[in-house]
Amino acid sequence: MTIFGNQGVALITGAGGALGRGIALQFARDGVRRIAGLDLSQNGLAATAKAVESEVPEIEFLPVTVDISDERQIADAFRQVVDRFGRIDYAINNAAIASPFVTTGDAEVQDFDRVQNINLKGTWLCEREELRQMMKQEPLPPMGESSTGRVPVRGSIVVVASLLGLRAMPLDGLYTISKHGILGMVRTDGVDYATKGIRINAICPGFIDTPLVTPPIRKLLQPQIDKTPMGRMANPQEVADAAVYLASDRASYITGTVLSVDGGYNAQ
């Protein structure tokens, strides 16, 4: 049997990028057959749909173009997902943007607002919709034997935060603020929903080798990459594996926690 037993619905924000695509693929490989991908990029979503459907033809992939910082668009996007699939069981809140590399003293208000509106407010808006939907729906049938006293599972949420939710890096204050805020939300919600059958966790990736890491950005990041004990960046699959694990029933006693996926960086 696959991890998810061919049941449940997964929703992934930022599904048009390399990491979101890797997460969608891993859900499909592990048995989820209905996946909704949310992203601002239609082309990115089309590429993800093609990749997932090519590898697992029986997948139903629903692409939804949305700006996650817009409350009305988010409400409409989630309505589309529930109208199509009836429920949301596994949610990965992955969408985010980078911030300008400046000190706080040199930052502009419009840059602050843009980063927080997408990374923090947008993630909160998604999590709010996910929690509301999960609280309304019946739990999935248990997979395997349930332990005594275990609360039926209504859903699982994983937020992709960052190493910079735990640490600071020079010139990246706006992004760091947003990711620290996300971890506060995850810990609080993990406690608030622990007895309601919904688990909420976060992963904190370090530096990930994606097309967004252009040669100039890599040059800027190289001193930090060199400090990573494993001596390299992660590939997207390594981060996707961690996200899907936390979403799955294999992490049934884990909630409100933060998992570092950073090659040992935060252990220093």
Protein backbone atom coordinates (compact mmCIF):
# COMPACT_ATOMS: atom_id res chain seq x y z
CA MET A 1 0.00 0.00 0.00
CA THR A 2 1.20 3.54 -0.74
CA ILE A 3 1.60 6.05 2.07
CA PHE A 4 -1.78 7.67 1.35
CA GLY A 5 -3.62 4.56 0.19
CA ASN A 6 -4.99 6.27 -2.94
CA GLN A 7 -7.25 8.44 -0.80
CA GLY A 8 -7.45 12.09 0.12
CA VAL A 9 -7.00 15.43 -1.63
CA ALA A 10 -3.79 17.45 -1.59
CA LEU A 11 -3.54 21.19 -2.11
CA ILE A 12 -0.22 22.91 -2.83
CA THR A 13 0.38 26.63 -3.11
CA GLY A 14 3.31 27.80 -5.20
CA ALA A 15 2.71 24.66 -7.26
CA GLY A 16 4.12 26.21 -10.42
CA GLY A 17 7.68 26.45 -9.10
CA ALA A 18 10.36 23.80 -8.77
CA LEU A 19 9.66 22.97 -5.13
CA GLY A 20 5.88 22.98 -5.51
CA ARG A 21 6.21 20.73 -8.57
CA GLY A 22 8.41 18.34 -6.60
CA ILE A 23 5.85 18.21 -3.78
CA ALA A 24 3.01 17.51 -6.22
CA LEU A 25 5.02 14.72 -7.83
CA GLN A 26 5.81 13.14 -4.47
CA PHE A 27 2.18 13.20 -3.38
CA ALA A 28 1.28 11.47 -6.64
CA ARG A 29 4.01 8.84 -6.24
CA ASP A 30 2.84 8.18 -2.69
CA GLY A 31 -0.77 7.58 -3.63
CA VAL A 32 -2.73 10.84 -3.64
CA ARG A 33 -4.83 10.87 -6.79
CA ARG A 34 -6.52 14.28 -6.53
CA ILE A 35 -4.22 17.29 -6.36
CA ALA A 36 -4.99 21.01 -6.57
CA GLY A 37 -2.15 23.34 -7.50
CA LEU A 38 -2.39 27.05 -6.75
CA ASP A 39 -0.01 29.58 -8.26
CA LEU A 40 0.09 33.01 -9.89
CA SER A 41 1.83 31.55 -12.95
CA GLN A 42 -0.40 29.78 -15.47
CA ASN A 43 2.67 28.54 -17.33
CA GLY A 44 4.17 27.14 -14.14
CA LEU A 45 0.95 25.31 -13.29
CA ALA A 46 0.75 23.90 -16.82
CA ALA A 47 4.30 22.58 -16.49
CA THR A 48 3.47 20.98 -13.14
CA ALA A 49 0.29 19.40 -14.50
CA LYS A 50 2.24 17.95 -17.42
CA ALA A 51 4.98 16.57 -15.15
CA VAL A 52 2.55 14.97 -12.70
CA GLU A 53 0.18 13.55 -15.29
CA SER A 54 3.08 12.16 -17.33
CA GLU A 55 4.43 10.23 -14.38
CA VAL A 56 1.08 9.18 -12.84
CA PRO A 57 -1.56 9.26 -15.61
CA GLU A 58 -4.49 8.51 -13.29
CA ILE A 59 -3.97 11.77 -11.40
CA GLU A 60 -6.65 14.46 -11.39
CA PHE A 61 -4.70 17.72 -11.25
CA LEU A 62 -6.65 20.95 -10.83
CA PRO A 63 -4.67 24.10 -11.67
CA VAL A 64 -5.96 27.29 -10.04
CA THR A 65 -4.41 30.64 -10.90
CA VAL A 66 -4.52 32.91 -7.86
CA ASP A 67 -2.78 35.77 -6.08
CA ILE A 68 -2.59 34.45 -2.52
CA SER A 69 -2.34 37.96 -1.06
CA ASP A 70 -5.89 38.70 -2.26
CA GLU A 71 -8.57 37.50 0.19
CA ARG A 72 -11.32 37.31 -2.42
CA GLN A 73 -9.16 35.39 -4.86
CA ILE A 74 -8.19 32.94 -2.14
CA ALA A 75 -11.81 32.35 -1.15
CA ASP A 76 -12.71 31.74 -4.80
CA ALA A 77 -9.73 29.43 -5.33
CA PHE A 78 -10.62 27.26 -2.36
CA ARG A 79 -14.23 27.18 -3.49
CA GLN A 80 -13.08 25.82 -6.84
CA VAL A 81 -11.04 23.10 -5.14
CA VAL A 82 -13.87 22.00 -2.83
CA ASP A 83 -16.44 22.15 -5.65
CA ARG A 84 -14.22 19.83 -7.70
CA PHE A 85 -12.89 17.45 -5.05
CA GLY A 86 -15.25 17.84 -2.10
CA ARG A 87 -12.57 18.21 0.57
CA ILE A 88 -8.94 19.12 1.38
CA ASP A 89 -6.93 16.61 3.40
CA TYR A 90 -3.30 17.61 2.92
CA ALA A 91 -2.28 21.23 2.41
CA ILE A 92 1.24 22.46 1.69
CA ASN A 93 1.54 26.23 1.95
CA ASN A 94 4.63 26.81 -0.13
CA ALA A 95 4.06 30.05 -2.08
CA ALA A 96 6.47 32.87 -1.27
CA ILE A 97 8.65 35.54 -2.83
CA ALA A 98 12.15 36.78 -2.10
CA SER A 99 12.88 40.25 -0.80
CA PRO A 100 15.38 42.85 -1.93
CA PHE A 101 18.81 42.44 -0.36
CA VAL A 102 18.95 45.61 1.74
CA THR A 103 19.32 46.65 5.35
CA THR A 104 16.18 47.69 7.20
CA GLY A 105 17.35 51.29 7.08
CA ASP A 106 17.43 51.19 3.28
CA ALA A 107 14.19 49.25 2.79
CA GLU A 108 11.12 50.77 1.15
CA VAL A 109 7.60 50.50 2.54
CA GLN A 110 6.28 49.08 -0.73
CA ASP A 111 8.84 46.27 -0.59
CA PHE A 112 7.95 45.49 3.03
CA ASP A 113 4.24 45.40 2.20
CA ARG A 114 4.71 43.18 -0.87
CA VAL A 115 6.81 40.60 0.97
CA GLN A 116 4.55 40.45 4.03
CA ASN A 117 1.35 40.42 1.96
CA ILE A 118 2.46 37.33 0.07
CA ASN A 119 4.70 35.44 2.47
CA LEU A 120 2.90 36.10 5.76
CA LYS A 121 -0.61 37.37 5.08
CA GLY A 122 -1.02 35.11 2.04
CA THR A 123 0.07 32.05 3.98
CA TRP A 124 -2.30 33.00 6.81
CA LEU A 125 -5.20 33.45 4.37
CA CYS A 126 -4.56 29.99 2.92
CA GLU A 127 -4.24 28.36 6.32
CA ARG A 128 -7.45 30.01 7.48
CA GLU A 129 -9.37 28.56 4.50
CA GLU A 130 -7.79 25.15 5.01
CA LEU A 131 -8.71 25.06 8.68
CA ARG A 132 -12.28 26.14 8.00
CA GLN A 133 -12.71 23.43 5.38
CA MET A 134 -11.03 20.71 7.42
CA MET A 135 -13.21 21.48 10.44
CA LYS A 136 -16.33 20.97 8.29
CA GLN A 137 -15.41 17.67 6.73
CA GLU A 138 -15.61 14.11 7.98
CA PRO A 139 -12.28 12.47 8.85
CA LEU A 140 -10.70 10.11 6.36
CA PRO A 141 -10.95 6.39 7.14
CA PRO A 142 -7.99 5.39 9.33
CA MET A 143 -5.00 3.79 7.61
CA GLY A 144 -3.84 0.80 9.60
CA GLU A 145 -4.60 0.32 13.25
CA SER A 146 -5.42 3.43 15.28
CA SER A 147 -4.01 3.71 18.76
CA THR A 148 -6.34 4.08 21.74
CA GLY A 149 -7.64 7.61 22.20
CA ARG A 150 -6.37 8.88 18.88
CA VAL A 151 -8.39 11.75 17.40
CA PRO A 152 -9.74 11.02 13.89
CA VAL A 153 -7.71 12.89 11.28
CA ARG A 154 -9.53 15.77 9.61
CA GLY A 155 -6.48 17.14 7.85
CA SER A 156 -2.80 17.99 7.89
CA ILE A 157 -1.15 21.30 7.00
CA VAL A 158 2.53 21.88 6.32
CA VAL A 159 3.95 25.36 5.87
CA VAL A 160 7.20 25.86 3.99
CA ALA A 161 9.03 28.43 6.07
CA SER A 162 12.80 28.86 5.83
CA LEU A 163 16.10 28.62 7.59
CA LEU A 164 15.53 32.36 7.95
CA GLY A 165 12.52 31.66 10.12
CA LEU A 166 15.02 30.41 12.70
CA ARG A 167 18.12 32.44 11.92
CA ALA A 168 19.08 35.76 10.39
CA MET A 169 21.19 36.49 7.34
CA PRO A 170 22.72 39.82 6.42
CA LEU A 171 20.64 42.04 4.12
CA ASP A 172 17.54 39.81 4.12
CA GLY A 173 15.46 41.38 6.88
CA LEU A 174 12.11 41.66 5.09
CA TYR A 175 12.06 37.98 4.15
CA THR A 176 13.29 36.98 7.61
CA ILE A 177 10.46 38.91 9.27
CA SER A 178 7.88 37.10 7.16
CA LYS A 179 9.27 33.65 7.90
CA HIS A 180 9.58 34.26 11.63
CA GLY A 181 5.92 35.28 11.62
CA ILE A 182 4.93 32.07 9.84
CA LEU A 183 6.53 29.94 12.54
CA GLY A 184 4.58 31.79 15.23
CA MET A 185 1.38 30.96 13.37
CA VAL A 186 2.30 27.30 12.94
CA ARG A 187 3.13 26.81 16.61
CA THR A 188 -0.03 28.55 17.78
CA ASP A 189 -2.31 26.71 15.35
CA GLY A 190 -0.61 23.42 16.13
CA VAL A 191 -1.65 23.86 19.76
CA ASP A 192 -5.14 25.22 19.03
CA TYR A 193 -6.10 22.35 16.70
CA ALA A 194 -4.25 19.48 18.38
CA THR A 195 -7.45 17.97 19.79
CA LYS A 196 -9.50 18.70 16.67
CA GLY A 197 -7.88 16.19 14.34
CA ILE A 198 -5.80 18.71 12.38
CA ARG A 199 -2.01 18.75 12.51
CA ILE A 200 -0.06 21.87 11.53
CA ASN A 201 3.72 21.79 11.08
CA ALA A 202 6.46 23.66 9.27
CA ILE A 203 9.63 22.81 7.45
CA CYS A 204 12.56 25.21 7.33
CA PRO A 205 14.62 24.52 4.22
CA GLY A 206 18.07 25.91 3.85
CA PHE A 207 19.38 26.87 0.43
CA ILE A 208 17.63 25.01 -2.41
CA ASP A 209 19.11 24.57 -5.86
CA THR A 210 16.30 25.78 -8.14
CA PRO A 211 16.21 27.94 -11.30
CA LEU A 212 15.54 30.94 -9.05
CA VAL A 213 19.13 30.69 -7.81
CA THR A 214 20.69 32.48 -10.74
CA PRO A 215 24.49 32.84 -10.95
CA PRO A 216 24.45 36.36 -9.37
CA ILE A 217 22.27 35.16 -6.50
CA ARG A 218 24.39 32.07 -6.01
CA LYS A 219 27.48 34.25 -5.81
CA LEU A 220 25.78 36.33 -3.13
CA LEU A 221 24.70 33.22 -1.19
CA GLN A 222 27.93 31.28 -1.60
CA PRO A 223 29.47 32.33 1.73
CA GLN A 224 26.35 31.00 3.50
CA ILE A 225 26.28 27.81 1.42
CA ASP A 226 29.92 27.24 2.35
CA LYS A 227 28.88 27.36 6.04
CA THR A 228 26.43 24.48 5.54
CA PRO A 229 27.93 21.36 7.19
CA MET A 230 26.89 19.17 4.24
CA GLY A 231 28.69 21.62 1.96
CA ARG A 232 25.96 22.03 -0.65
CA MET A 233 22.44 23.23 -1.38
CA ALA A 234 19.44 20.90 -1.18
CA ASN A 235 17.77 19.64 -4.31
CA PRO A 236 13.98 20.20 -4.41
CA GLN A 237 13.25 16.48 -4.00
CA GLU A 238 14.92 16.42 -0.58
CA VAL A 239 12.66 19.20 0.66
CA ALA A 240 9.56 17.71 -1.01
CA ASP A 241 10.19 14.41 0.80
CA ALA A 242 10.18 16.19 4.16
CA ALA A 243 6.99 18.13 3.41
CA VAL A 244 5.06 15.06 2.28
CA TYR A 245 6.30 13.04 5.26
CA LEU A 246 4.95 15.65 7.71
CA ALA A 247 1.65 15.75 5.83
CA SER A 248 1.28 11.99 5.99
CA ASP A 249 -0.03 9.72 8.73
CA ARG A 250 3.54 8.59 9.37
CA ALA A 251 3.89 11.86 11.32
CA SER A 252 0.67 11.26 13.26
CA TYR A 253 2.07 12.41 16.63
CA ILE A 254 3.81 15.51 15.29
CA THR A 255 2.14 18.90 15.40
CA GLY A 256 3.20 22.49 16.06
CA THR A 257 6.77 21.56 15.24
CA VAL A 258 9.45 22.97 12.96
CA LEU A 259 11.65 20.59 10.97
CA SER A 260 14.94 21.96 9.67
CA VAL A 261 15.87 20.67 6.21
CA ASP A 262 19.11 22.58 5.90
CA GLY A 263 22.09 20.25 5.70
CA GLY A 264 22.91 20.90 9.35
CA TYR A 265 23.13 24.69 9.10
CA ASN A 266 20.90 25.43 12.10
CA ALA A 267 22.70 22.90 14.29
CA GLN A 268 25.76 25.13 14.43
